[in-house]
Amino acid sequence: MTNLAVLGLGSMGSALAHCLLEAGHNISVWNRTPDKAEGLAKAGAKVFDSADEAVAASDFTIVCIKSHRETVELVGGLSVPLTGKTICDMSTGDTSDADALVAMLAERGADYMLGMINAYPSGVGENDVTILTVGSADAWDQYGDIIRTLGGKSAYVGKQPAALAALFAGLFTVRQGFMFGMIYGALVCQKTGIPMKVFSDQIPATLKLVNDYYDLFAKTVPAENYDNAEASLKIYALAQEDALKTFQSLDAPAEFIQLIYERTKTAWDEGLGEKQLTALVKHMAG
C-alpha cells in the first residue's frame, strides 16, 4: 500500500487527510500548529513533529497550505532526499510560483502534481467533486486513483503548471462573474426601492437561463461554430445598452455592465452582429 502524507491541516487539508484515512490508506500528517493534528491522530493518522519526517515516511505527499510560494519555502527547507517521491501541491498560486515549485522539485529529483480542488472541505470525497491536476503522466498513472478518492470526477489535464493556474483563473472568473452580476443587479434595484428579498427571490428563475447559456457555450465554443444564432450578438448588445442606460440614469455603479456592453458592441462594429454571443471568445482572443 502507498504511504501518503498530508502537510497542512487547515479545513481543507484536514478534510483530505480524513477522507484518505476513511478509504483505508496509511496517512502521515504534519502541521505547523500541532494541536490541529489531534483529531487525525485519534482517527489513526501518524503525526510527525516535522515536515521532514512526514515526507520521509511517504511516497506521495499532498501539501495543502496557503500558496505555491509557501510550498516552495516549505520544500526548500526539507533536508530529506526527495528522489523517487511525488509531491502534490493542492495550494493556489500564479503561473510563476507554480513554475518555481516544479523547477525546485525537478532539481531535487522529485516528481510533481499540482491540484485544484473544486469543492468546499465538506465536499471532499464526494462522487461529483472534481480535483483537476497537472503533472507528469507517470504521476497521474500512479496516483490518479488516490486523487479520485478525494473527488470522484477528478481528472488529469496535462503537464504544464501554467495550465492549472489558467484553468483556476478561468473557472474562478465564471463564478465571480455570476456573484458580481447579482451584486450589481442588487445595486441598481436598490435605486428604485425594490426590496432585496424580492430581487433575491427572482434569481432562481434566472438560473434556468444560466443553464441555457452553458448549453450554448458548450455547443458553440469548442466547435468554433457561431452561426445560426437564435439570439444574435447584436440583439444582446442592444439589450446590454438598455441595461447600461438604466444603470446610468439611476446613478448606480455601472462598471460591470459597461465592460460587457463595450466588448459586445466592438464585436458588432467589426462585423459579428449576426453571430452567436459566444463568438466573443474568438474575437477577443485576436
Protein backbone atom coordinates (compact mmCIF):
# COMPACT_ATOMS: atom_id res chain seq x y z
CA MET A 1 0.00 0.00 0.00
CA THR A 2 1.19 3.51 -0.85
CA ASN A 3 2.37 5.56 2.11
CA LEU A 4 0.78 9.00 2.00
CA ALA A 5 1.47 12.25 3.82
CA VAL A 6 -0.62 15.40 4.18
CA LEU A 7 1.19 18.59 5.11
CA GLY A 8 -1.05 21.42 6.26
CA LEU A 9 -4.11 20.65 8.35
CA GLY A 10 -6.39 23.61 7.88
CA SER A 11 -10.00 22.93 6.98
CA MET A 12 -9.17 21.56 3.53
CA GLY A 13 -6.02 19.66 4.50
CA SER A 14 -7.84 18.00 7.39
CA ALA A 15 -10.71 17.03 5.09
CA LEU A 16 -8.27 15.46 2.63
CA ALA A 17 -6.49 13.51 5.37
CA HIS A 18 -9.73 12.27 6.94
CA CYS A 19 -11.02 11.14 3.54
CA LEU A 20 -7.86 9.16 2.84
CA LEU A 21 -7.96 7.58 6.28
CA GLU A 22 -11.56 6.53 5.78
CA ALA A 23 -10.52 4.94 2.48
CA GLY A 24 -8.02 2.78 4.34
CA HIS A 25 -4.76 4.48 3.42
CA ASN A 26 -1.71 4.81 5.66
CA ILE A 27 -1.50 8.52 6.42
CA SER A 28 1.25 10.62 7.96
CA VAL A 29 0.40 14.22 8.82
CA TRP A 30 2.18 17.37 9.86
CA ASN A 31 1.06 20.88 10.68
CA ARG A 32 2.90 23.92 11.99
CA THR A 33 0.34 24.07 14.79
CA PRO A 34 0.43 20.57 16.31
CA ASP A 35 -2.96 20.69 18.02
CA LYS A 36 -4.71 20.63 14.62
CA ALA A 37 -3.49 17.04 14.23
CA GLU A 38 -5.18 15.72 17.38
CA GLY A 39 -8.40 14.60 15.69
CA LEU A 40 -6.48 12.88 12.92
CA ALA A 41 -4.26 11.10 15.43
CA LYS A 42 -7.36 9.69 17.11
CA ALA A 43 -8.62 8.58 13.69
CA GLY A 44 -5.44 6.62 13.01
CA ALA A 45 -3.03 9.02 11.31
CA LYS A 46 0.63 9.08 12.31
CA VAL A 47 1.53 12.58 13.45
CA PHE A 48 5.06 13.85 12.91
CA ASP A 49 6.76 16.79 14.57
CA SER A 50 8.41 17.95 11.35
CA ALA A 51 7.60 18.09 7.66
CA ASP A 52 10.90 16.28 7.01
CA GLU A 53 9.77 13.24 9.00
CA ALA A 54 6.35 13.12 7.32
CA VAL A 55 7.83 13.36 3.82
CA ALA A 56 10.48 10.77 4.62
CA ALA A 57 7.75 8.32 5.64
CA SER A 58 5.74 8.81 2.44
CA ASP A 59 5.83 8.03 -1.26
CA PHE A 60 3.18 10.59 -2.16
CA THR A 61 2.91 13.84 -0.22
CA ILE A 62 -0.05 16.21 -0.51
CA VAL A 63 0.71 19.79 0.51
CA CYS A 64 -2.30 21.94 1.37
CA ILE A 65 -1.14 25.29 2.70
CA LYS A 66 -1.75 28.87 1.60
CA SER A 67 0.06 29.15 -1.74
CA HIS A 68 2.59 27.68 -4.14
CA ARG A 69 5.03 30.29 -2.87
CA GLU A 70 4.74 28.96 0.67
CA THR A 71 5.11 25.43 -0.66
CA VAL A 72 8.36 26.49 -2.36
CA GLU A 73 9.60 27.73 1.02
CA LEU A 74 8.47 24.53 2.75
CA VAL A 75 10.04 22.20 0.19
CA GLY A 76 13.17 24.31 0.06
CA GLY A 77 13.61 23.78 3.78
CA LEU A 78 13.36 19.99 3.63
CA SER A 79 16.55 18.07 4.32
CA VAL A 80 15.19 14.62 3.45
CA PRO A 81 16.06 13.23 -0.04
CA LEU A 82 13.17 13.64 -2.46
CA THR A 83 14.39 11.37 -5.24
CA GLY A 84 11.64 8.95 -6.22
CA LYS A 85 8.96 10.78 -4.26
CA THR A 86 5.99 12.67 -5.65
CA ILE A 87 4.87 15.99 -4.19
CA CYS A 88 1.29 17.05 -4.91
CA ASP A 89 0.59 20.69 -4.12
CA MET A 90 -3.08 21.47 -3.54
CA SER A 91 -2.31 25.11 -2.72
CA THR A 92 -3.07 28.02 -5.04
CA GLY A 93 -0.83 30.49 -6.82
CA ASP A 94 0.02 32.14 -10.09
CA THR A 95 1.93 30.65 -13.01
CA SER A 96 5.36 31.92 -11.94
CA ASP A 97 5.01 30.40 -8.45
CA ALA A 98 3.90 27.09 -9.97
CA ASP A 99 6.88 27.10 -12.35
CA ALA A 100 9.26 27.82 -9.46
CA LEU A 101 7.87 24.91 -7.44
CA VAL A 102 8.11 22.46 -10.33
CA ALA A 103 11.68 23.56 -11.09
CA MET A 104 12.71 23.07 -7.46
CA LEU A 105 11.16 19.61 -7.31
CA ALA A 106 12.92 18.62 -10.53
CA GLU A 107 16.24 19.76 -9.09
CA ARG A 108 15.60 17.61 -6.03
CA GLY A 109 14.70 14.56 -8.12
CA ALA A 110 11.01 14.52 -7.16
CA ASP A 111 8.03 14.13 -9.46
CA TYR A 112 5.23 16.67 -9.19
CA MET A 113 1.49 17.08 -9.32
CA LEU A 114 -0.48 20.28 -8.84
CA GLY A 115 -4.16 20.03 -7.95
CA MET A 116 -7.11 22.42 -7.96
CA ILE A 117 -9.96 21.39 -5.66
CA ASN A 118 -13.38 22.47 -6.92
CA ALA A 119 -15.20 21.98 -3.64
CA TYR A 120 -15.54 23.14 -0.08
CA PRO A 121 -13.93 20.92 2.56
CA SER A 122 -17.32 19.36 3.28
CA GLY A 123 -17.45 18.05 -0.29
CA VAL A 124 -14.14 16.19 -0.26
CA GLY A 125 -14.66 12.54 -1.12
CA GLU A 126 -17.99 13.04 -2.90
CA ASN A 127 -18.53 11.35 -6.26
CA ASP A 128 -19.41 14.60 -8.04
CA VAL A 129 -16.38 16.57 -6.79
CA THR A 130 -13.60 17.42 -9.22
CA ILE A 131 -9.91 17.87 -8.48
CA LEU A 132 -8.15 18.95 -11.66
CA THR A 133 -4.46 18.10 -11.81
CA VAL A 134 -1.38 18.82 -13.88
CA GLY A 135 1.90 16.97 -13.69
CA SER A 136 3.72 14.10 -15.31
CA ALA A 137 1.62 11.40 -16.91
CA ASP A 138 3.52 8.86 -14.81
CA ALA A 139 2.46 10.60 -11.58
CA TRP A 140 -1.18 10.52 -12.65
CA ASP A 141 -0.97 6.88 -13.68
CA GLN A 142 0.49 6.00 -10.29
CA TYR A 143 -1.60 8.22 -8.01
CA GLY A 144 -4.69 9.16 -10.01
CA ASP A 145 -6.83 6.65 -8.10
CA ILE A 146 -5.88 8.37 -4.85
CA ILE A 147 -6.94 11.73 -6.26
CA ARG A 148 -10.23 10.21 -7.43
CA THR A 149 -10.79 9.00 -3.86
CA LEU A 150 -10.78 12.67 -2.87
CA GLY A 151 -13.09 13.65 -5.72
CA GLY A 152 -14.88 11.15 -7.91
CA LYS A 153 -14.80 13.26 -11.08
CA SER A 154 -11.14 14.25 -10.76
CA ALA A 155 -9.15 14.47 -13.98
CA TYR A 156 -5.68 14.95 -15.39
CA VAL A 157 -5.46 17.99 -17.69
CA GLY A 158 -1.81 17.98 -18.83
CA LYS A 159 1.80 18.62 -17.97
CA GLN A 160 2.13 22.41 -17.95
CA PRO A 161 1.96 24.08 -14.49
CA ALA A 162 0.59 27.26 -16.08
CA ALA A 163 -2.42 25.33 -17.38
CA LEU A 164 -3.80 24.78 -13.90
CA ALA A 165 -3.36 28.41 -12.86
CA ALA A 166 -5.12 29.47 -16.06
CA LEU A 167 -7.92 26.98 -15.51
CA PHE A 168 -8.35 28.20 -11.94
CA ALA A 169 -8.48 31.82 -13.13
CA GLY A 170 -10.99 30.93 -15.83
CA LEU A 171 -13.37 28.96 -13.62
CA PHE A 172 -12.99 31.46 -10.79
CA THR A 173 -13.98 34.21 -13.22
CA VAL A 174 -17.14 32.29 -14.15
CA ARG A 175 -18.18 32.01 -10.51
CA GLN A 176 -17.22 35.56 -9.65
CA GLY A 177 -18.95 36.85 -12.77
CA PHE A 178 -22.20 35.37 -11.52
CA MET A 179 -21.66 36.69 -7.99
CA PHE A 180 -20.81 40.19 -9.19
CA GLY A 181 -23.78 40.08 -11.54
CA MET A 182 -26.01 39.54 -8.50
CA ILE A 183 -24.21 42.29 -6.57
CA TYR A 184 -24.51 44.87 -9.34
CA GLY A 185 -28.09 43.78 -10.02
CA ALA A 186 -28.92 44.37 -6.37
CA LEU A 187 -27.39 47.85 -6.50
CA VAL A 188 -29.47 49.01 -9.46
CA CYS A 189 -32.66 47.57 -7.93
CA GLN A 190 -31.97 49.34 -4.64
CA LYS A 191 -32.00 52.64 -6.52
CA THR A 192 -35.73 52.24 -7.22
CA GLY A 193 -36.60 50.88 -3.80
CA ILE A 194 -37.07 47.24 -4.82
CA PRO A 195 -36.77 45.13 -1.64
CA MET A 196 -33.73 42.87 -1.72
CA LYS A 197 -35.95 39.92 -0.80
CA VAL A 198 -37.94 40.48 -3.99
CA PHE A 199 -34.76 40.66 -6.06
CA SER A 200 -33.27 37.61 -4.36
CA ASP A 201 -36.42 35.55 -4.83
CA GLN A 202 -36.31 36.12 -8.60
CA ILE A 203 -32.74 34.83 -9.05
CA PRO A 204 -33.65 31.09 -9.13
CA ALA A 205 -35.76 31.72 -12.23
CA THR A 206 -32.72 33.32 -13.83
CA LEU A 207 -30.68 30.19 -13.17
CA LYS A 208 -32.58 28.38 -15.92
CA LEU A 209 -31.22 30.92 -18.37
CA VAL A 210 -27.74 30.39 -16.91
CA ASN A 211 -28.07 26.70 -17.79
CA ASP A 212 -29.19 27.68 -21.28
CA TYR A 213 -26.10 29.91 -21.56
CA TYR A 214 -23.91 26.97 -20.60
CA ASP A 215 -25.57 24.75 -23.21
CA LEU A 216 -24.96 27.41 -25.85
CA PHE A 217 -21.34 27.84 -24.78
CA ALA A 218 -20.66 24.09 -24.80
CA LYS A 219 -22.29 23.73 -28.22
CA THR A 220 -20.55 26.61 -29.96
CA VAL A 221 -17.15 27.41 -28.42
CA PRO A 222 -15.34 24.03 -28.59
CA ALA A 223 -16.54 23.60 -32.18
CA GLU A 224 -15.90 27.30 -33.04
CA ASN A 225 -19.28 27.36 -34.76
CA TYR A 226 -21.01 30.66 -34.08
CA ASP A 227 -23.54 30.70 -36.91
CA ASN A 228 -27.36 30.36 -36.84
CA ALA A 229 -27.84 32.38 -33.67
CA GLU A 230 -31.33 32.25 -32.18
CA ALA A 231 -30.42 35.44 -30.32
CA SER A 232 -27.59 37.21 -32.11
CA LEU A 233 -24.69 39.15 -30.66
CA LYS A 234 -26.37 42.33 -31.97
CA ILE A 235 -29.54 41.53 -30.00
CA TYR A 236 -27.51 41.07 -26.84
CA ALA A 237 -25.67 44.33 -27.45
CA LEU A 238 -28.96 46.24 -27.76
CA ALA A 239 -30.25 44.70 -24.52
CA GLN A 240 -26.96 45.48 -22.79
CA GLU A 241 -27.19 49.07 -23.96
CA ASP A 242 -30.68 49.38 -22.47
CA ALA A 243 -29.43 47.92 -19.16
CA LEU A 244 -26.43 50.26 -19.18
CA LYS A 245 -28.65 53.30 -19.74
CA THR A 246 -30.82 52.22 -16.80
CA PHE A 247 -27.78 51.93 -14.52
CA GLN A 248 -26.55 55.35 -15.64
CA SER A 249 -29.93 57.06 -15.32
CA LEU A 250 -30.26 55.79 -11.75
CA ASP A 251 -26.67 56.73 -10.90
CA ALA A 252 -25.93 53.11 -10.00
CA PRO A 253 -22.40 51.67 -10.31
CA ALA A 254 -22.20 50.65 -13.97
CA GLU A 255 -18.63 49.37 -14.49
CA PHE A 256 -19.68 45.75 -14.88
CA ILE A 257 -22.40 46.23 -17.49
CA GLN A 258 -20.29 48.92 -19.21
CA LEU A 259 -17.48 46.42 -19.80
CA ILE A 260 -19.90 43.79 -21.09
CA TYR A 261 -21.55 46.23 -23.49
CA GLU A 262 -18.31 47.68 -24.82
CA ARG A 263 -16.91 44.23 -25.61
CA THR A 264 -20.10 43.17 -27.38
CA LYS A 265 -20.56 46.44 -29.28
CA THR A 266 -16.97 46.34 -30.54
CA ALA A 267 -17.53 42.85 -31.97
CA TRP A 268 -20.77 44.04 -33.58
CA ASP A 269 -19.00 47.02 -35.14
CA GLU A 270 -16.39 44.63 -36.56
CA GLY A 271 -18.96 42.53 -38.38
CA LEU A 272 -20.03 39.85 -35.88
CA GLY A 273 -23.51 41.19 -35.17
CA GLU A 274 -25.34 38.16 -36.59
CA LYS A 275 -23.10 35.61 -34.84
CA GLN A 276 -23.66 33.90 -31.51
CA LEU A 277 -22.69 35.97 -28.47
CA THR A 278 -20.08 33.31 -27.71
CA ALA A 279 -18.18 34.45 -30.82
CA LEU A 280 -16.65 36.96 -28.40
CA VAL A 281 -14.26 34.19 -27.28
CA LYS A 282 -12.65 34.10 -30.71
CA HIS A 283 -12.99 37.85 -31.29
CA MET A 284 -11.34 38.88 -28.03
CA ALA A 285 -8.54 36.34 -28.46
CA GLY A 286 -7.49 38.28 -31.56
